[in-house]
Amino acid sequence: MTFFNRPILRAWIENGIAQIDAYIPLPSMWPDVLISRNDLLINTENSWDIEFRTNFLTVKKREKEIFFQVDLRKEPGTIRANFFLGDTKIQFDENSSTAGVLNYSECIFENVVTAIGIGEESKILHWPNFAMRNPKAVVFDGNA
């Protein structure tokens, strides 16, 4: 999944090992959950509970409400999520999934390449960083 051509969620198998990349941003677009090749960084400031063990991660913002979950304990692995990318609601769960106007239910994506892109293809999002004079997310024209 991408947001203005920036990866939000990727999963793949490399040398027999499941790999996950995820950038789940706060409304300010700073990372709330950041996973890079299975290395994990979580903003705990507004998290209610975090459960982490081998091949399993759950982040909850409220009791009984999963914000982000990766379960690779059996095949196929599953990813559950419930967050916003800007004004776009993203929800993946066992019954159905929503990404803006895209809705699908009772689907299992297994051994296939699947891509969901949100935002104009010609625009590119630049994540905020501390090297910026005024750190904030900026969307710019990728054709320039």
C-alpha atoms as a PDB file:
ATOM      1  CA  MET A   1       0.000   0.000   0.000  1.00  0.00           C
ATOM      2  CA  THR A   2       1.255   3.458  -0.861  1.00  0.00           C
ATOM      3  CA  PHE A   3       0.170   6.998   0.019  1.00  0.00           C
ATOM      4  CA  PHE A   4       1.174   9.597  -2.580  1.00  0.00           C
ATOM      5  CA  ASN A   5       3.828   7.144  -3.810  1.00  0.00           C
ATOM      6  CA  ARG A   6       5.329   6.545  -0.342  1.00  0.00           C
ATOM      7  CA  PRO A   7       5.200   2.981   1.004  1.00  0.00           C
ATOM      8  CA  ILE A   8       2.811   2.530   3.926  1.00  0.00           C
ATOM      9  CA  LEU A   9       2.678  -1.234   4.139  1.00  0.00           C
ATOM     10  CA  ARG A  10       4.736  -3.972   2.466  1.00  0.00           C
ATOM     11  CA  ALA A  11       5.069  -7.657   3.220  1.00  0.00           C
ATOM     12  CA  TRP A  12       7.235 -10.219   1.422  1.00  0.00           C
ATOM     13  CA  ILE A  13       9.250 -13.402   1.922  1.00  0.00           C
ATOM     14  CA  GLU A  14      13.036 -13.166   1.673  1.00  0.00           C
ATOM     15  CA  ASN A  15      15.211 -16.270   2.108  1.00  0.00           C
ATOM     16  CA  GLY A  16      12.255 -18.026   3.729  1.00  0.00           C
ATOM     17  CA  ILE A  17      11.725 -15.247   6.303  1.00  0.00           C
ATOM     18  CA  ALA A  18       8.634 -13.010   6.350  1.00  0.00           C
ATOM     19  CA  GLN A  19       9.593  -9.325   6.090  1.00  0.00           C
ATOM     20  CA  ILE A  20       7.362  -6.353   6.985  1.00  0.00           C
ATOM     21  CA  ASP A  21       7.756  -2.642   6.271  1.00  0.00           C
ATOM     22  CA  ALA A  22       5.136  -0.287   7.685  1.00  0.00           C
ATOM     23  CA  TYR A  23       4.815   3.466   8.192  1.00  0.00           C
ATOM     24  CA  ILE A  24       1.558   4.174  10.035  1.00  0.00           C
ATOM     25  CA  PRO A  25       1.559   7.934  10.606  1.00  0.00           C
ATOM     26  CA  LEU A  26       0.063  10.213  13.216  1.00  0.00           C
ATOM     27  CA  PRO A  27      -2.231  12.963  11.824  1.00  0.00           C
ATOM     28  CA  SER A  28       0.925  15.127  11.659  1.00  0.00           C
ATOM     29  CA  MET A  29       2.471  12.414   9.411  1.00  0.00           C
ATOM     30  CA  TRP A  30       5.245  11.661  11.929  1.00  0.00           C
ATOM     31  CA  PRO A  31       5.469   7.887  12.492  1.00  0.00           C
ATOM     32  CA  ASP A  32       3.124   6.248  14.999  1.00  0.00           C
ATOM     33  CA  VAL A  33       4.209   2.719  14.028  1.00  0.00           C
ATOM     34  CA  LEU A  34       7.376   2.309  11.984  1.00  0.00           C
ATOM     35  CA  ILE A  35       8.632  -1.108  10.893  1.00  0.00           C
ATOM     36  CA  SER A  36      11.638  -1.413   8.603  1.00  0.00           C
ATOM     37  CA  ARG A  37      12.574  -4.971   7.595  1.00  0.00           C
ATOM     38  CA  ASN A  38      11.046  -6.229  10.861  1.00  0.00           C
ATOM     39  CA  ASP A  39      12.836  -3.635  13.031  1.00  0.00           C
ATOM     40  CA  LEU A  40      10.158  -1.944  15.113  1.00  0.00           C
ATOM     41  CA  LEU A  41       9.627   1.585  16.458  1.00  0.00           C
ATOM     42  CA  ILE A  42       6.334   2.516  18.156  1.00  0.00           C
ATOM     43  CA  ASN A  43       5.166   5.854  19.518  1.00  0.00           C
ATOM     44  CA  THR A  44       3.937   4.738  22.950  1.00  0.00           C
ATOM     45  CA  GLU A  45       2.623   8.167  23.990  1.00  0.00           C
ATOM     46  CA  ASN A  46      -0.969   7.504  22.935  1.00  0.00           C
ATOM     47  CA  SER A  47      -1.011   3.686  22.953  1.00  0.00           C
ATOM     48  CA  TRP A  48      -3.230   1.805  25.397  1.00  0.00           C
ATOM     49  CA  ASP A  49      -1.469  -1.556  25.014  1.00  0.00           C
ATOM     50  CA  ILE A  50       1.325  -3.096  22.947  1.00  0.00           C
ATOM     51  CA  GLU A  51       1.806  -6.857  22.720  1.00  0.00           C
ATOM     52  CA  PHE A  52       4.934  -8.158  21.030  1.00  0.00           C
ATOM     53  CA  ARG A  53       6.303 -11.686  20.784  1.00  0.00           C
ATOM     54  CA  THR A  54       7.812 -13.904  18.107  1.00  0.00           C
ATOM     55  CA  ASN A  55       5.951 -13.352  14.808  1.00  0.00           C
ATOM     56  CA  PHE A  56       3.158 -11.347  16.483  1.00  0.00           C
ATOM     57  CA  LEU A  57       2.530  -7.643  17.157  1.00  0.00           C
ATOM     58  CA  THR A  58      -0.612  -5.852  18.357  1.00  0.00           C
ATOM     59  CA  VAL A  59      -0.920  -2.113  19.024  1.00  0.00           C
ATOM     60  CA  LYS A  60      -4.127  -0.878  20.663  1.00  0.00           C
ATOM     61  CA  LYS A  61      -5.064   2.777  21.085  1.00  0.00           C
ATOM     62  CA  ARG A  62      -8.128   1.882  23.177  1.00  0.00           C
ATOM     63  CA  GLU A  63      -9.164  -1.226  25.065  1.00  0.00           C
ATOM     64  CA  LYS A  64     -10.468  -3.939  22.698  1.00  0.00           C
ATOM     65  CA  GLU A  65      -9.734  -1.810  19.586  1.00  0.00           C
ATOM     66  CA  ILE A  66      -6.886  -3.009  17.374  1.00  0.00           C
ATOM     67  CA  PHE A  67      -4.998  -0.145  15.754  1.00  0.00           C
ATOM     68  CA  PHE A  68      -2.409  -2.341  14.020  1.00  0.00           C
ATOM     69  CA  GLN A  69      -1.697  -6.067  14.174  1.00  0.00           C
ATOM     70  CA  VAL A  70       0.668  -8.415  12.343  1.00  0.00           C
ATOM     71  CA  ASP A  71       0.304 -12.158  12.949  1.00  0.00           C
ATOM     72  CA  LEU A  72       2.828 -14.373  11.179  1.00  0.00           C
ATOM     73  CA  ARG A  73       2.501 -17.392  13.487  1.00  0.00           C
ATOM     74  CA  LYS A  74       0.739 -19.447  10.801  1.00  0.00           C
ATOM     75  CA  GLU A  75       0.156 -19.314   7.051  1.00  0.00           C
ATOM     76  CA  PRO A  76      -1.202 -17.217   5.602  1.00  0.00           C
ATOM     77  CA  GLY A  77      -0.004 -14.374   7.811  1.00  0.00           C
ATOM     78  CA  THR A  78      -2.536 -11.669   8.604  1.00  0.00           C
ATOM     79  CA  ILE A  79      -2.429  -7.904   8.969  1.00  0.00           C
ATOM     80  CA  ARG A  80      -5.210  -6.002  10.724  1.00  0.00           C
ATOM     81  CA  ALA A  81      -5.311  -2.218  10.853  1.00  0.00           C
ATOM     82  CA  ASN A  82      -7.642   0.640  11.695  1.00  0.00           C
ATOM     83  CA  PHE A  83      -6.207   4.125  11.104  1.00  0.00           C
ATOM     84  CA  PHE A  84      -6.441   7.260   8.951  1.00  0.00           C
ATOM     85  CA  LEU A  85      -4.083   8.443   6.214  1.00  0.00           C
ATOM     86  CA  GLY A  86      -5.003  12.097   6.051  1.00  0.00           C
ATOM     87  CA  ASP A  87      -8.782  11.976   5.511  1.00  0.00           C
ATOM     88  CA  THR A  88      -8.736   8.389   4.173  1.00  0.00           C
ATOM     89  CA  LYS A  89      -9.878   5.656   6.543  1.00  0.00           C
ATOM     90  CA  ILE A  90      -7.853   2.440   6.290  1.00  0.00           C
ATOM     91  CA  GLN A  91      -9.321  -0.691   7.815  1.00  0.00           C
ATOM     92  CA  PHE A  92      -8.175  -4.290   7.361  1.00  0.00           C
ATOM     93  CA  ASP A  93      -9.748  -7.079   9.369  1.00  0.00           C
ATOM     94  CA  GLU A  94     -10.877 -10.685   9.042  1.00  0.00           C
ATOM     95  CA  ASN A  95     -14.258  -9.767   7.491  1.00  0.00           C
ATOM     96  CA  SER A  96     -13.651  -6.853   5.142  1.00  0.00           C
ATOM     97  CA  SER A  97     -11.221  -4.123   4.209  1.00  0.00           C
ATOM     98  CA  THR A  98     -11.622  -0.472   3.346  1.00  0.00           C
ATOM     99  CA  ALA A  99      -9.123   1.971   1.861  1.00  0.00           C
ATOM    100  CA  GLY A 100     -11.009   5.146   1.014  1.00  0.00           C
ATOM    101  CA  VAL A 101     -13.569   4.223  -1.661  1.00  0.00           C
ATOM    102  CA  LEU A 102     -12.103   0.731  -2.149  1.00  0.00           C
ATOM    103  CA  ASN A 103     -14.048  -1.943  -0.244  1.00  0.00           C
ATOM    104  CA  TYR A 104     -13.627  -5.700  -0.428  1.00  0.00           C
ATOM    105  CA  SER A 105     -14.699  -8.606   1.739  1.00  0.00           C
ATOM    106  CA  GLU A 106     -13.969 -12.293   2.230  1.00  0.00           C
ATOM    107  CA  CYS A 107     -10.691 -12.058   0.287  1.00  0.00           C
ATOM    108  CA  ILE A 108      -7.447 -13.851   0.964  1.00  0.00           C
ATOM    109  CA  PHE A 109      -4.385 -12.595  -0.905  1.00  0.00           C
ATOM    110  CA  GLU A 110      -1.937 -15.466  -0.975  1.00  0.00           C
ATOM    111  CA  ASN A 111       1.142 -15.912  -3.191  1.00  0.00           C
ATOM    112  CA  VAL A 112       0.203 -12.898  -5.320  1.00  0.00           C
ATOM    113  CA  VAL A 113       1.471  -9.354  -5.673  1.00  0.00           C
ATOM    114  CA  THR A 114      -1.261  -6.969  -4.561  1.00  0.00           C
ATOM    115  CA  ALA A 115      -1.023  -3.171  -4.538  1.00  0.00           C
ATOM    116  CA  ILE A 116      -3.272  -0.397  -3.270  1.00  0.00           C
ATOM    117  CA  GLY A 117      -2.287   3.189  -4.032  1.00  0.00           C
ATOM    118  CA  ILE A 118      -3.902   6.197  -2.350  1.00  0.00           C
ATOM    119  CA  GLY A 119      -3.292   9.723  -3.602  1.00  0.00           C
ATOM    120  CA  GLU A 120      -2.543  11.151  -7.015  1.00  0.00           C
ATOM    121  CA  GLU A 121       0.028   9.113  -8.914  1.00  0.00           C
ATOM    122  CA  SER A 122       1.793  12.281 -10.100  1.00  0.00           C
ATOM    123  CA  LYS A 123       2.268  13.564  -6.520  1.00  0.00           C
ATOM    124  CA  ILE A 124       4.918  12.477  -4.021  1.00  0.00           C
ATOM    125  CA  LEU A 125       4.727  12.792  -0.246  1.00  0.00           C
ATOM    126  CA  HIS A 126       7.822  13.857   1.639  1.00  0.00           C
ATOM    127  CA  TRP A 127       7.644  12.705   5.272  1.00  0.00           C
ATOM    128  CA  PRO A 128       8.520  15.291   7.926  1.00  0.00           C
ATOM    129  CA  ASN A 129      12.037  15.170   9.334  1.00  0.00           C
ATOM    130  CA  PHE A 130      14.218  17.253  11.633  1.00  0.00           C
ATOM    131  CA  ALA A 131      16.484  18.390   8.790  1.00  0.00           C
ATOM    132  CA  MET A 132      13.601  20.603   7.596  1.00  0.00           C
ATOM    133  CA  ARG A 133      13.457  24.217   8.777  1.00  0.00           C
ATOM    134  CA  ASN A 134       9.730  23.766   9.458  1.00  0.00           C
ATOM    135  CA  PRO A 135       9.230  19.992   9.833  1.00  0.00           C
ATOM    136  CA  LYS A 136       5.959  18.906   8.245  1.00  0.00           C
ATOM    137  CA  ALA A 137       4.703  16.567   5.549  1.00  0.00           C
ATOM    138  CA  VAL A 138       4.782  18.084   2.063  1.00  0.00           C
ATOM    139  CA  VAL A 139       3.131  16.767  -1.108  1.00  0.00           C
ATOM    140  CA  PHE A 140       4.839  17.915  -4.288  1.00  0.00           C
ATOM    141  CA  ASP A 141       4.514  17.307  -8.021  1.00  0.00           C
ATOM    142  CA  GLY A 142       6.589  14.260  -8.951  1.00  0.00           C
ATOM    143  CA  ASN A 143       6.761  15.367 -12.602  1.00  0.00           C
ATOM    144  CA  ALA A 144       8.681  18.553 -11.817  1.00  0.00           C
END
